[in-house]
Structures are given as structure tokens and as C-alpha cells.
Amino acid sequence: MTVLFHELLVPGWAETKVGVYELTRNENSGHKKDEGFSLPCHGVDPELFFSESQAMLETAKDLCTACPMRARCLEGALSRQEPWGVWGGEIFEDGQIVAAKRSPGRPRTAA
């Protein structure tokens, strides 16, 4: 099963489509008490996961560390060959996992 980013934004989707997961209950989420499940990527600017800044991408990766959907998110990103962004705690560039995002501009030449 693949997971789309917009699906992660829908409270309760994981318990019906994927199986029972212990999601962190967020009492301040603004949802009714029975809909109060949230994932770490909820409530943050999605641009954080697609930033050009390595520091912001590392922050996004840190949010994924304790996420109960991390493996599913990563699996979905790999199957879709996501072109870029942070998915499942990993940085993607051109559909591949990379250690760090390449800086914009032309590559440096050896002196």
C-alpha cells in the first residue's frame, strides 16, 4: 500500500486503511476528541519538507523520528519514486534517497 502526503493530513485514515497504530493523541488539534489523532507532520508548514535549506530538511527529518507511520511513508515514497522532499525521515532527490540535498547552482569544479 502506498501513502500519499495528503492522506497523512486526514485524521484517522491510518486506522481504517493500514491497520491499528498507536498514534499520538493531540488534545489541542482542534478535532473532536474521537478524531484527535495526529502525526508529527500535521500542523507544520508542508514547505518544511520541501525546503532548499539543509537545516530545514534536517528539522523535517527529526519530526519523522518517532512517527508511527514512518515506514509506510517511506515505502510509499520509494514506490512512487518521489522526486524530492523528506519522506519517512529520508531526503529524496530525483527519486532516490540522498544523505544531503545538493546546493542549488552549478557544481563546484576541482581546482
PDB file of N, CA and C in Angstrom:
ATOM      1  N   MET A   1       0.842  -1.186   0.000  1.00  0.00           N
ATOM      2  CA  MET A   1       0.000   0.000   0.000  1.00  0.00           C
ATOM      3  C   MET A   1       0.878   1.236   0.000  1.00  0.00           C
ATOM      4  N   THR A   2       0.501   2.218  -0.778  1.00  0.00           N
ATOM      5  CA  THR A   2       1.248   3.462  -0.797  1.00  0.00           C
ATOM      6  C   THR A   2       0.517   4.527   0.005  1.00  0.00           C
ATOM      7  N   VAL A   3       1.267   5.478   0.500  1.00  0.00           N
ATOM      8  CA  VAL A   3       0.714   6.562   1.301  1.00  0.00           C
ATOM      9  C   VAL A   3       1.012   7.865   0.587  1.00  0.00           C
ATOM     10  N   LEU A   4      -0.014   8.640   0.306  1.00  0.00           N
ATOM     11  CA  LEU A   4       0.162   9.950  -0.297  1.00  0.00           C
ATOM     12  C   LEU A   4       0.222  10.997   0.802  1.00  0.00           C
ATOM     13  N   PHE A   5       0.984  12.064   0.572  1.00  0.00           N
ATOM     14  CA  PHE A   5       1.158  13.089   1.596  1.00  0.00           C
ATOM     15  C   PHE A   5      -0.187  13.637   2.052  1.00  0.00           C
ATOM     16  N   HIS A   6      -1.107  13.903   1.135  1.00  0.00           N
ATOM     17  CA  HIS A   6      -2.393  14.467   1.535  1.00  0.00           C
ATOM     18  C   HIS A   6      -3.190  13.490   2.398  1.00  0.00           C
ATOM     19  N   GLU A   7      -2.928  12.186   2.264  1.00  0.00           N
ATOM     20  CA  GLU A   7      -3.604  11.215   3.122  1.00  0.00           C
ATOM     21  C   GLU A   7      -3.122  11.326   4.567  1.00  0.00           C
ATOM     22  N   LEU A   8      -1.866  11.699   4.753  1.00  0.00           N
ATOM     23  CA  LEU A   8      -1.353  11.857   6.105  1.00  0.00           C
ATOM     24  C   LEU A   8      -2.023  13.015   6.828  1.00  0.00           C
ATOM     25  N   LEU A   9      -2.636  13.922   6.090  1.00  0.00           N
ATOM     26  CA  LEU A   9      -3.271  15.089   6.680  1.00  0.00           C
ATOM     27  C   LEU A   9      -4.711  14.829   7.105  1.00  0.00           C
ATOM     28  N   VAL A  10      -5.240  13.646   6.830  1.00  0.00           N
ATOM     29  CA  VAL A  10      -6.608  13.309   7.179  1.00  0.00           C
ATOM     30  C   VAL A  10      -6.613  12.517   8.481  1.00  0.00           C
ATOM     31  N   PRO A  11      -7.151  13.094   9.575  1.00  0.00           N
ATOM     32  CA  PRO A  11      -7.168  12.372  10.848  1.00  0.00           C
ATOM     33  C   PRO A  11      -7.913  11.043  10.741  1.00  0.00           C
ATOM     34  N   GLY A  12      -7.334  10.010  11.303  1.00  0.00           N
ATOM     35  CA  GLY A  12      -7.983   8.716  11.379  1.00  0.00           C
ATOM     36  C   GLY A  12      -7.801   7.807  10.177  1.00  0.00           C
ATOM     37  N   TRP A  13      -7.145   8.282   9.105  1.00  0.00           N
ATOM     38  CA  TRP A  13      -7.038   7.438   7.918  1.00  0.00           C
ATOM     39  C   TRP A  13      -6.242   6.176   8.179  1.00  0.00           C
ATOM     40  N   ALA A  14      -5.236   6.258   9.028  1.00  0.00           N
ATOM     41  CA  ALA A  14      -4.352   5.113   9.248  1.00  0.00           C
ATOM     42  C   ALA A  14      -5.079   3.943   9.898  1.00  0.00           C
ATOM     43  N   GLU A  15      -5.998   4.240  10.796  1.00  0.00           N
ATOM     44  CA  GLU A  15      -6.661   3.151  11.482  1.00  0.00           C
ATOM     45  C   GLU A  15      -7.653   2.416  10.588  1.00  0.00           C
ATOM     46  N   THR A  16      -8.107   3.036   9.510  1.00  0.00           N
ATOM     47  CA  THR A  16      -9.054   2.354   8.642  1.00  0.00           C
ATOM     48  C   THR A  16      -8.399   1.723   7.430  1.00  0.00           C
ATOM     49  N   LYS A  17      -7.327   2.309   6.895  1.00  0.00           N
ATOM     50  CA  LYS A  17      -6.728   1.794   5.668  1.00  0.00           C
ATOM     51  C   LYS A  17      -5.516   0.901   5.912  1.00  0.00           C
ATOM     52  N   VAL A  18      -4.755   1.162   6.951  1.00  0.00           N
ATOM     53  CA  VAL A  18      -3.495   0.464   7.142  1.00  0.00           C
ATOM     54  C   VAL A  18      -3.577  -0.572   8.245  1.00  0.00           C
ATOM     55  N   GLY A  19      -4.294  -0.281   9.273  1.00  0.00           N
ATOM     56  CA  GLY A  19      -4.358  -1.159  10.428  1.00  0.00           C
ATOM     57  C   GLY A  19      -4.332  -0.319  11.687  1.00  0.00           C
ATOM     58  N   VAL A  20      -4.298  -0.963  12.815  1.00  0.00           N
ATOM     59  CA  VAL A  20      -4.328  -0.236  14.075  1.00  0.00           C
ATOM     60  C   VAL A  20      -2.918   0.200  14.439  1.00  0.00           C
ATOM     61  N   TYR A  21      -2.721   1.479  14.597  1.00  0.00           N
ATOM     62  CA  TYR A  21      -1.448   2.047  15.019  1.00  0.00           C
ATOM     63  C   TYR A  21      -1.710   2.925  16.218  1.00  0.00           C
ATOM     64  N   GLU A  22      -0.782   2.962  17.120  1.00  0.00           N
ATOM     65  CA  GLU A  22      -0.916   3.855  18.256  1.00  0.00           C
ATOM     66  C   GLU A  22      -0.408   5.223  17.836  1.00  0.00           C
ATOM     67  N   LEU A  23      -1.346   6.071  17.468  1.00  0.00           N
ATOM     68  CA  LEU A  23      -0.993   7.415  17.070  1.00  0.00           C
ATOM     69  C   LEU A  23      -1.018   8.318  18.292  1.00  0.00           C
ATOM     70  N   THR A  24      -0.206   9.320  18.274  1.00  0.00           N
ATOM     71  CA  THR A  24      -0.155  10.266  19.382  1.00  0.00           C
ATOM     72  C   THR A  24      -1.446  11.054  19.414  1.00  0.00           C
ATOM     73  N   ARG A  25      -2.101  11.065  20.548  1.00  0.00           N
ATOM     74  CA  ARG A  25      -3.320  11.844  20.690  1.00  0.00           C
ATOM     75  C   ARG A  25      -2.940  13.288  20.954  1.00  0.00           C
ATOM     76  N   ASN A  26      -3.467  14.159  20.133  1.00  0.00           N
ATOM     77  CA  ASN A  26      -3.183  15.574  20.254  1.00  0.00           C
ATOM     78  C   ASN A  26      -4.460  16.264  20.707  1.00  0.00           C
ATOM     79  N   GLU A  27      -4.528  16.581  21.984  1.00  0.00           N
ATOM     80  CA  GLU A  27      -5.732  17.180  22.555  1.00  0.00           C
ATOM     81  C   GLU A  27      -5.968  18.599  22.035  1.00  0.00           C
ATOM     82  N   ASN A  28      -4.932  19.252  21.534  1.00  0.00           N
ATOM     83  CA  ASN A  28      -5.072  20.623  21.050  1.00  0.00           C
ATOM     84  C   ASN A  28      -5.178  20.678  19.535  1.00  0.00           C
ATOM     85  N   SER A  29      -5.555  19.591  18.908  1.00  0.00           N
ATOM     86  CA  SER A  29      -5.560  19.531  17.456  1.00  0.00           C
ATOM     87  C   SER A  29      -6.729  20.278  16.824  1.00  0.00           C
ATOM     88  N   GLY A  30      -7.755  20.607  17.617  1.00  0.00           N
ATOM     89  CA  GLY A  30      -8.922  21.257  17.048  1.00  0.00           C
ATOM     90  C   GLY A  30      -9.948  20.262  16.533  1.00  0.00           C
ATOM     91  N   HIS A  31      -9.646  18.980  16.576  1.00  0.00           N
ATOM     92  CA  HIS A  31     -10.582  17.951  16.141  1.00  0.00           C
ATOM     93  C   HIS A  31     -11.387  17.494  17.350  1.00  0.00           C
ATOM     94  N   LYS A  32     -12.514  16.842  17.072  1.00  0.00           N
ATOM     95  CA  LYS A  32     -13.284  16.252  18.164  1.00  0.00           C
ATOM     96  C   LYS A  32     -12.406  15.242  18.880  1.00  0.00           C
ATOM     97  N   LYS A  33     -12.740  14.957  20.121  1.00  0.00           N
ATOM     98  CA  LYS A  33     -11.915  14.061  20.920  1.00  0.00           C
ATOM     99  C   LYS A  33     -11.689  12.708  20.258  1.00  0.00           C
ATOM    100  N   ASP A  34     -12.707  12.149  19.602  1.00  0.00           N
ATOM    101  CA  ASP A  34     -12.535  10.851  18.956  1.00  0.00           C
ATOM    102  C   ASP A  34     -11.782  10.947  17.635  1.00  0.00           C
ATOM    103  N   GLU A  35     -11.517  12.170  17.157  1.00  0.00           N
ATOM    104  CA  GLU A  35     -10.748  12.357  15.936  1.00  0.00           C
ATOM    105  C   GLU A  35      -9.389  12.966  16.239  1.00  0.00           C
ATOM    106  N   GLY A  36      -8.941  12.934  17.489  1.00  0.00           N
ATOM    107  CA  GLY A  36      -7.763  13.674  17.901  1.00  0.00           C
ATOM    108  C   GLY A  36      -6.424  13.033  17.604  1.00  0.00           C
ATOM    109  N   PHE A  37      -6.344  12.171  16.589  1.00  0.00           N
ATOM    110  CA  PHE A  37      -5.070  11.576  16.230  1.00  0.00           C
ATOM    111  C   PHE A  37      -4.282  12.541  15.365  1.00  0.00           C
ATOM    112  N   SER A  38      -2.983  12.575  15.582  1.00  0.00           N
ATOM    113  CA  SER A  38      -2.171  13.420  14.716  1.00  0.00           C
ATOM    114  C   SER A  38      -0.827  12.755  14.476  1.00  0.00           C
ATOM    115  N   LEU A  39      -0.222  13.153  13.414  1.00  0.00           N
ATOM    116  CA  LEU A  39       1.111  12.699  13.068  1.00  0.00           C
ATOM    117  C   LEU A  39       2.030  13.902  13.184  1.00  0.00           C
ATOM    118  N   PRO A  40       3.327  13.679  13.379  1.00  0.00           N
ATOM    119  CA  PRO A  40       4.242  14.804  13.552  1.00  0.00           C
ATOM    120  C   PRO A  40       4.225  15.805  12.401  1.00  0.00           C
ATOM    121  N   CYS A  41       3.888  15.366  11.203  1.00  0.00           N
ATOM    122  CA  CYS A  41       3.856  16.288  10.063  1.00  0.00           C
ATOM    123  C   CYS A  41       2.590  17.145  10.053  1.00  0.00           C
ATOM    124  N   HIS A  42       1.616  16.802  10.890  1.00  0.00           N
ATOM    125  CA  HIS A  42       0.409  17.619  10.994  1.00  0.00           C
ATOM    126  C   HIS A  42       0.744  18.910  11.714  1.00  0.00           C
ATOM    127  N   GLY A  43       0.163  19.964  11.290  1.00  0.00           N
ATOM    128  CA  GLY A  43       0.308  21.231  11.996  1.00  0.00           C
ATOM    129  C   GLY A  43       1.595  21.983  11.691  1.00  0.00           C
ATOM    130  N   VAL A  44       2.415  21.477  10.786  1.00  0.00           N
ATOM    131  CA  VAL A  44       3.616  22.211  10.380  1.00  0.00           C
ATOM    132  C   VAL A  44       3.472  22.576   8.908  1.00  0.00           C
ATOM    133  N   ASP A  45       4.196  23.591   8.508  1.00  0.00           N
ATOM    134  CA  ASP A  45       4.149  24.038   7.123  1.00  0.00           C
ATOM    135  C   ASP A  45       4.723  22.946   6.219  1.00  0.00           C
ATOM    136  N   PRO A  46       3.970  22.468   5.231  1.00  0.00           N
ATOM    137  CA  PRO A  46       4.481  21.426   4.331  1.00  0.00           C
ATOM    138  C   PRO A  46       5.759  21.839   3.600  1.00  0.00           C
ATOM    139  N   GLU A  47       5.974  23.147   3.450  1.00  0.00           N
ATOM    140  CA  GLU A  47       7.189  23.625   2.784  1.00  0.00           C
ATOM    141  C   GLU A  47       8.447  23.179   3.518  1.00  0.00           C
ATOM    142  N   LEU A  48       8.327  22.907   4.819  1.00  0.00           N
ATOM    143  CA  LEU A  48       9.465  22.432   5.602  1.00  0.00           C
ATOM    144  C   LEU A  48      10.033  21.151   4.992  1.00  0.00           C
ATOM    145  N   PHE A  49       9.163  20.299   4.463  1.00  0.00           N
ATOM    146  CA  PHE A  49       9.565  19.009   3.906  1.00  0.00           C
ATOM    147  C   PHE A  49      10.114  19.105   2.482  1.00  0.00           C
ATOM    148  N   PHE A  50      10.037  20.306   1.893  1.00  0.00           N
ATOM    149  CA  PHE A  50      10.491  20.503   0.516  1.00  0.00           C
ATOM    150  C   PHE A  50      11.414  21.709   0.395  1.00  0.00           C
ATOM    151  N   SER A  51      12.070  22.051   1.468  1.00  0.00           N
ATOM    152  CA  SER A  51      12.917  23.231   1.519  1.00  0.00           C
ATOM    153  C   SER A  51      14.213  23.057   0.729  1.00  0.00           C
ATOM    154  N   GLU A  52      14.810  24.167   0.348  1.00  0.00           N
ATOM    155  CA  GLU A  52      16.140  24.154  -0.256  1.00  0.00           C
ATOM    156  C   GLU A  52      17.214  24.187   0.831  1.00  0.00           C
ATOM    157  N   SER A  53      16.825  24.530   2.058  1.00  0.00           N
ATOM    158  CA  SER A  53      17.767  24.644   3.169  1.00  0.00           C
ATOM    159  C   SER A  53      18.011  23.282   3.817  1.00  0.00           C
ATOM    160  N   GLN A  54      19.275  22.892   3.900  1.00  0.00           N
ATOM    161  CA  GLN A  54      19.618  21.618   4.529  1.00  0.00           C
ATOM    162  C   GLN A  54      19.180  21.598   5.996  1.00  0.00           C
ATOM    163  N   ALA A  55      19.317  22.736   6.681  1.00  0.00           N
ATOM    164  CA  ALA A  55      18.920  22.807   8.098  1.00  0.00           C
ATOM    165  C   ALA A  55      17.424  22.551   8.260  1.00  0.00           C
ATOM    166  N   MET A  56      16.611  23.095   7.362  1.00  0.00           N
ATOM    167  CA  MET A  56      15.169  22.872   7.445  1.00  0.00           C
ATOM    168  C   MET A  56      14.817  21.419   7.111  1.00  0.00           C
ATOM    169  N   LEU A  57      15.538  20.824   6.172  1.00  0.00           N
ATOM    170  CA  LEU A  57      15.298  19.418   5.845  1.00  0.00           C
ATOM    171  C   LEU A  57      15.661  18.520   7.029  1.00  0.00           C
ATOM    172  N   GLU A  58      16.717  18.871   7.747  1.00  0.00           N
ATOM    173  CA  GLU A  58      17.099  18.095   8.935  1.00  0.00           C
ATOM    174  C   GLU A  58      16.027  18.219  10.015  1.00  0.00           C
ATOM    175  N   THR A  59      15.431  19.398  10.137  1.00  0.00           N
ATOM    176  CA  THR A  59      14.328  19.589  11.086  1.00  0.00           C
ATOM    177  C   THR A  59      13.149  18.703  10.703  1.00  0.00           C
ATOM    178  N   ALA A  60      12.847  18.652   9.408  1.00  0.00           N
ATOM    179  CA  ALA A  60      11.755  17.795   8.925  1.00  0.00           C
ATOM    180  C   ALA A  60      12.054  16.327   9.222  1.00  0.00           C
ATOM    181  N   LYS A  61      13.298  15.905   8.985  1.00  0.00           N
ATOM    182  CA  LYS A  61      13.689  14.525   9.277  1.00  0.00           C
ATOM    183  C   LYS A  61      13.518  14.210  10.760  1.00  0.00           C
ATOM    184  N   ASP A  62      13.868  15.173  11.620  1.00  0.00           N
ATOM    185  CA  ASP A  62      13.723  14.980  13.064  1.00  0.00           C
ATOM    186  C   ASP A  62      12.267  14.766  13.454  1.00  0.00           C
ATOM    187  N   LEU A  63      11.341  15.438  12.763  1.00  0.00           N
ATOM    188  CA  LEU A  63       9.917  15.251  13.052  1.00  0.00           C
ATOM    189  C   LEU A  63       9.479  13.818  12.767  1.00  0.00           C
ATOM    190  N   CYS A  64      10.120  13.188  11.808  1.00  0.00           N
ATOM    191  CA  CYS A  64       9.754  11.825  11.405  1.00  0.00           C
ATOM    192  C   CYS A  64      10.271  10.752  12.365  1.00  0.00           C
ATOM    193  N   THR A  65      11.219  11.089  13.207  1.00  0.00           N
ATOM    194  CA  THR A  65      11.908  10.094  14.028  1.00  0.00           C
ATOM    195  C   THR A  65      10.968   9.186  14.809  1.00  0.00           C
ATOM    196  N   ALA A  66      10.004   9.751  15.506  1.00  0.00           N
ATOM    197  CA  ALA A  66       9.122   8.944  16.355  1.00  0.00           C
ATOM    198  C   ALA A  66       7.760   8.681  15.714  1.00  0.00           C
ATOM    199  N   CYS A  67       7.613   8.987  14.442  1.00  0.00           N
ATOM    200  CA  CYS A  67       6.312   8.836  13.782  1.00  0.00           C
ATOM    201  C   CYS A  67       5.959   7.362  13.589  1.00  0.00           C
ATOM    202  N   PRO A  68       4.741   6.967  13.971  1.00  0.00           N
ATOM    203  CA  PRO A  68       4.335   5.576  13.795  1.00  0.00           C
ATOM    204  C   PRO A  68       4.096   5.205  12.332  1.00  0.00           C
ATOM    205  N   MET A  69       4.003   6.189  11.453  1.00  0.00           N
ATOM    206  CA  MET A  69       3.765   5.922  10.037  1.00  0.00           C
ATOM    207  C   MET A  69       5.040   6.060   9.207  1.00  0.00           C
ATOM    208  N   ARG A  70       6.179   6.200   9.852  1.00  0.00           N
ATOM    209  CA  ARG A  70       7.433   6.446   9.159  1.00  0.00           C
ATOM    210  C   ARG A  70       7.724   5.386   8.080  1.00  0.00           C
ATOM    211  N   ALA A  71       7.625   4.139   8.433  1.00  0.00           N
ATOM    212  CA  ALA A  71       7.933   3.065   7.484  1.00  0.00           C
ATOM    213  C   ALA A  71       6.974   3.080   6.297  1.00  0.00           C
ATOM    214  N   ARG A  72       5.685   3.282   6.553  1.00  0.00           N
ATOM    215  CA  ARG A  72       4.690   3.317   5.473  1.00  0.00           C
ATOM    216  C   ARG A  72       4.920   4.520   4.558  1.00  0.00           C
ATOM    217  N   CYS A  73       5.246   5.651   5.166  1.00  0.00           N
ATOM    218  CA  CYS A  73       5.509   6.868   4.401  1.00  0.00           C
ATOM    219  C   CYS A  73       6.719   6.661   3.487  1.00  0.00           C
ATOM    220  N   LEU A  74       7.781   6.090   4.037  1.00  0.00           N
ATOM    221  CA  LEU A  74       8.990   5.826   3.262  1.00  0.00           C
ATOM    222  C   LEU A  74       8.707   4.815   2.154  1.00  0.00           C
ATOM    223  N   GLU A  75       7.981   3.772   2.476  1.00  0.00           N
ATOM    224  CA  GLU A  75       7.623   2.749   1.488  1.00  0.00           C
ATOM    225  C   GLU A  75       6.841   3.361   0.331  1.00  0.00           C
ATOM    226  N   GLY A  76       5.893   4.227   0.665  1.00  0.00           N
ATOM    227  CA  GLY A  76       5.099   4.883  -0.375  1.00  0.00           C
ATOM    228  C   GLY A  76       5.945   5.790  -1.251  1.00  0.00           C
ATOM    229  N   ALA A  77       6.842   6.546  -0.634  1.00  0.00           N
ATOM    230  CA  ALA A  77       7.706   7.455  -1.392  1.00  0.00           C
ATOM    231  C   ALA A  77       8.624   6.682  -2.332  1.00  0.00           C
ATOM    232  N   LEU A  78       9.146   5.571  -1.867  1.00  0.00           N
ATOM    233  CA  LEU A  78      10.009   4.741  -2.715  1.00  0.00           C
ATOM    234  C   LEU A  78       9.225   4.156  -3.885  1.00  0.00           C
ATOM    235  N   SER A  79       8.022   3.677  -3.616  1.00  0.00           N
ATOM    236  CA  SER A  79       7.228   3.066  -4.680  1.00  0.00           C
ATOM    237  C   SER A  79       6.792   4.098  -5.722  1.00  0.00           C
ATOM    238  N   ARG A  80       6.578   5.337  -5.294  1.00  0.00           N
ATOM    239  CA  ARG A  80       6.182   6.399  -6.225  1.00  0.00           C
ATOM    240  C   ARG A  80       7.380   7.112  -6.832  1.00  0.00           C
ATOM    241  N   GLN A  81       8.575   6.792  -6.350  1.00  0.00           N
ATOM    242  CA  GLN A  81       9.800   7.477  -6.764  1.00  0.00           C
ATOM    243  C   GLN A  81       9.621   8.989  -6.641  1.00  0.00           C
ATOM    244  N   GLU A  82       9.266   9.411  -5.422  1.00  0.00           N
ATOM    245  CA  GLU A  82       9.063  10.833  -5.163  1.00  0.00           C
ATOM    246  C   GLU A  82      10.263  11.630  -5.657  1.00  0.00           C
ATOM    247  N   PRO A  83      10.034  12.700  -6.397  1.00  0.00           N
ATOM    248  CA  PRO A  83      11.156  13.436  -6.973  1.00  0.00           C
ATOM    249  C   PRO A  83      11.986  14.220  -5.957  1.00  0.00           C
ATOM    250  N   TRP A  84      11.371  14.690  -4.882  1.00  0.00           N
ATOM    251  CA  TRP A  84      12.137  15.421  -3.876  1.00  0.00           C
ATOM    252  C   TRP A  84      11.342  15.524  -2.589  1.00  0.00           C
ATOM    253  N   GLY A  85      12.018  15.988  -1.547  1.00  0.00           N
ATOM    254  CA  GLY A  85      11.370  16.209  -0.256  1.00  0.00           C
ATOM    255  C   GLY A  85      11.812  15.212   0.796  1.00  0.00           C
ATOM    256  N   VAL A  86      11.287  15.401   1.993  1.00  0.00           N
ATOM    257  CA  VAL A  86      11.534  14.481   3.100  1.00  0.00           C
ATOM    258  C   VAL A  86      10.319  13.580   3.230  1.00  0.00           C
ATOM    259  N   TRP A  87      10.559  12.290   3.149  1.00  0.00           N
ATOM    260  CA  TRP A  87       9.507  11.275   3.245  1.00  0.00           C
ATOM    261  C   TRP A  87      10.008  10.165   4.156  1.00  0.00           C
ATOM    262  N   GLY A  88       9.263   9.845   5.177  1.00  0.00           N
ATOM    263  CA  GLY A  88       9.651   8.757   6.066  1.00  0.00           C
ATOM    264  C   GLY A  88      11.007   8.977   6.719  1.00  0.00           C
ATOM    265  N   GLY A  89      11.358  10.233   6.956  1.00  0.00           N
ATOM    266  CA  GLY A  89      12.612  10.534   7.629  1.00  0.00           C
ATOM    267  C   GLY A  89      13.835  10.517   6.736  1.00  0.00           C
ATOM    268  N   GLU A  90      13.636  10.442   5.425  1.00  0.00           N
ATOM    269  CA  GLU A  90      14.749  10.419   4.468  1.00  0.00           C
ATOM    270  C   GLU A  90      14.591  11.551   3.466  1.00  0.00           C
ATOM    271  N   ILE A  91      15.719  12.060   2.981  1.00  0.00           N
ATOM    272  CA  ILE A  91      15.697  13.109   1.968  1.00  0.00           C
ATOM    273  C   ILE A  91      15.724  12.453   0.585  1.00  0.00           C
ATOM    274  N   PHE A  92      14.784  12.856  -0.255  1.00  0.00           N
ATOM    275  CA  PHE A  92      14.710  12.347  -1.620  1.00  0.00           C
ATOM    276  C   PHE A  92      15.143  13.431  -2.597  1.00  0.00           C
ATOM    277  N   GLU A  93      15.894  13.018  -3.587  1.00  0.00           N
ATOM    278  CA  GLU A  93      16.259  13.897  -4.696  1.00  0.00           C
ATOM    279  C   GLU A  93      16.277  13.035  -5.948  1.00  0.00           C
ATOM    280  N   ASP A  94      15.546  13.448  -6.945  1.00  0.00           N
ATOM    281  CA  ASP A  94      15.418  12.695  -8.197  1.00  0.00           C
ATOM    282  C   ASP A  94      14.977  11.252  -7.955  1.00  0.00           C
ATOM    283  N   GLY A  95      14.065  11.069  -7.022  1.00  0.00           N
ATOM    284  CA  GLY A  95      13.511   9.746  -6.762  1.00  0.00           C
ATOM    285  C   GLY A  95      14.396   8.805  -5.969  1.00  0.00           C
ATOM    286  N   GLN A  96      15.530   9.290  -5.486  1.00  0.00           N
ATOM    287  CA  GLN A  96      16.466   8.463  -4.730  1.00  0.00           C
ATOM    288  C   GLN A  96      16.712   9.064  -3.351  1.00  0.00           C
ATOM    289  N   ILE A  97      17.013   8.211  -2.373  1.00  0.00           N
ATOM    290  CA  ILE A  97      17.378   8.686  -1.043  1.00  0.00           C
ATOM    291  C   ILE A  97      18.807   9.205  -1.098  1.00  0.00           C
ATOM    292  N   VAL A  98      19.012  10.405  -0.554  1.00  0.00           N
ATOM    293  CA  VAL A  98      20.343  11.011  -0.510  1.00  0.00           C
ATOM    294  C   VAL A  98      20.653  11.424   0.924  1.00  0.00           C
ATOM    295  N   ALA A  99      21.935  11.502   1.260  1.00  0.00           N
ATOM    296  CA  ALA A  99      22.339  11.884   2.613  1.00  0.00           C
ATOM    297  C   ALA A  99      22.068  13.363   2.870  1.00  0.00           C
ATOM    298  N   ALA A 100      22.281  14.193   1.841  1.00  0.00           N
ATOM    299  CA  ALA A 100      22.063  15.632   1.970  1.00  0.00           C
ATOM    300  C   ALA A 100      21.662  16.183   0.610  1.00  0.00           C
ATOM    301  N   LYS A 101      20.852  17.203   0.637  1.00  0.00           N
ATOM    302  CA  LYS A 101      20.423  17.821  -0.615  1.00  0.00           C
ATOM    303  C   LYS A 101      21.574  18.619  -1.210  1.00  0.00           C
ATOM    304  N   ARG A 102      21.725  18.487  -2.504  1.00  0.00           N
ATOM    305  CA  ARG A 102      22.764  19.232  -3.204  1.00  0.00           C
ATOM    306  C   ARG A 102      22.390  20.707  -3.217  1.00  0.00           C
ATOM    307  N   SER A 103      23.382  21.563  -3.029  1.00  0.00           N
ATOM    308  CA  SER A 103      23.153  23.006  -3.063  1.00  0.00           C
ATOM    309  C   SER A 103      22.713  23.424  -4.454  1.00  0.00           C
ATOM    310  N   PRO A 104      21.856  24.456  -4.524  1.00  0.00           N
ATOM    311  CA  PRO A 104      21.439  24.923  -5.846  1.00  0.00           C
ATOM    312  C   PRO A 104      22.616  25.548  -6.596  1.00  0.00           C
ATOM    313  N   GLY A 105      22.522  25.571  -7.905  1.00  0.00           N
ATOM    314  CA  GLY A 105      23.586  26.156  -8.705  1.00  0.00           C
ATOM    315  C   GLY A 105      24.452  25.091  -9.338  1.00  0.00           C
ATOM    316  N   ARG A 106      25.487  25.539  -9.991  1.00  0.00           N
ATOM    317  CA  ARG A 106      26.392  24.623 -10.676  1.00  0.00           C
ATOM    318  C   ARG A 106      27.322  23.942  -9.685  1.00  0.00           C
ATOM    319  N   PRO A 107      27.665  22.696  -9.965  1.00  0.00           N
ATOM    320  CA  PRO A 107      28.624  22.007  -9.085  1.00  0.00           C
ATOM    321  C   PRO A 107      29.971  22.709  -9.111  1.00  0.00           C
ATOM    322  N   ARG A 108      30.659  22.664  -8.002  1.00  0.00           N
ATOM    323  CA  ARG A 108      31.997  23.251  -7.931  1.00  0.00           C
ATOM    324  C   ARG A 108      32.963  22.412  -8.756  1.00  0.00           C
ATOM    325  N   THR A 109      33.914  23.080  -9.360  1.00  0.00           N
ATOM    326  CA  THR A 109      34.929  22.358 -10.122  1.00  0.00           C
ATOM    327  C   THR A 109      36.168  22.186  -9.262  1.00  0.00           C
ATOM    328  N   ALA A 110      36.875  21.130  -9.506  1.00  0.00           N
ATOM    329  CA  ALA A 110      38.102  20.869  -8.748  1.00  0.00           C
ATOM    330  C   ALA A 110      39.170  21.874  -9.178  1.00  0.00           C
ATOM    331  N   ALA A 111      39.889  22.418  -8.204  1.00  0.00           N
ATOM    332  CA  ALA A 111      40.917  23.421  -8.521  1.00  0.00           C
ATOM    333  C   ALA A 111      42.211  22.789  -8.933  1.00  0.00           C
TER     334      ALA A 111
END
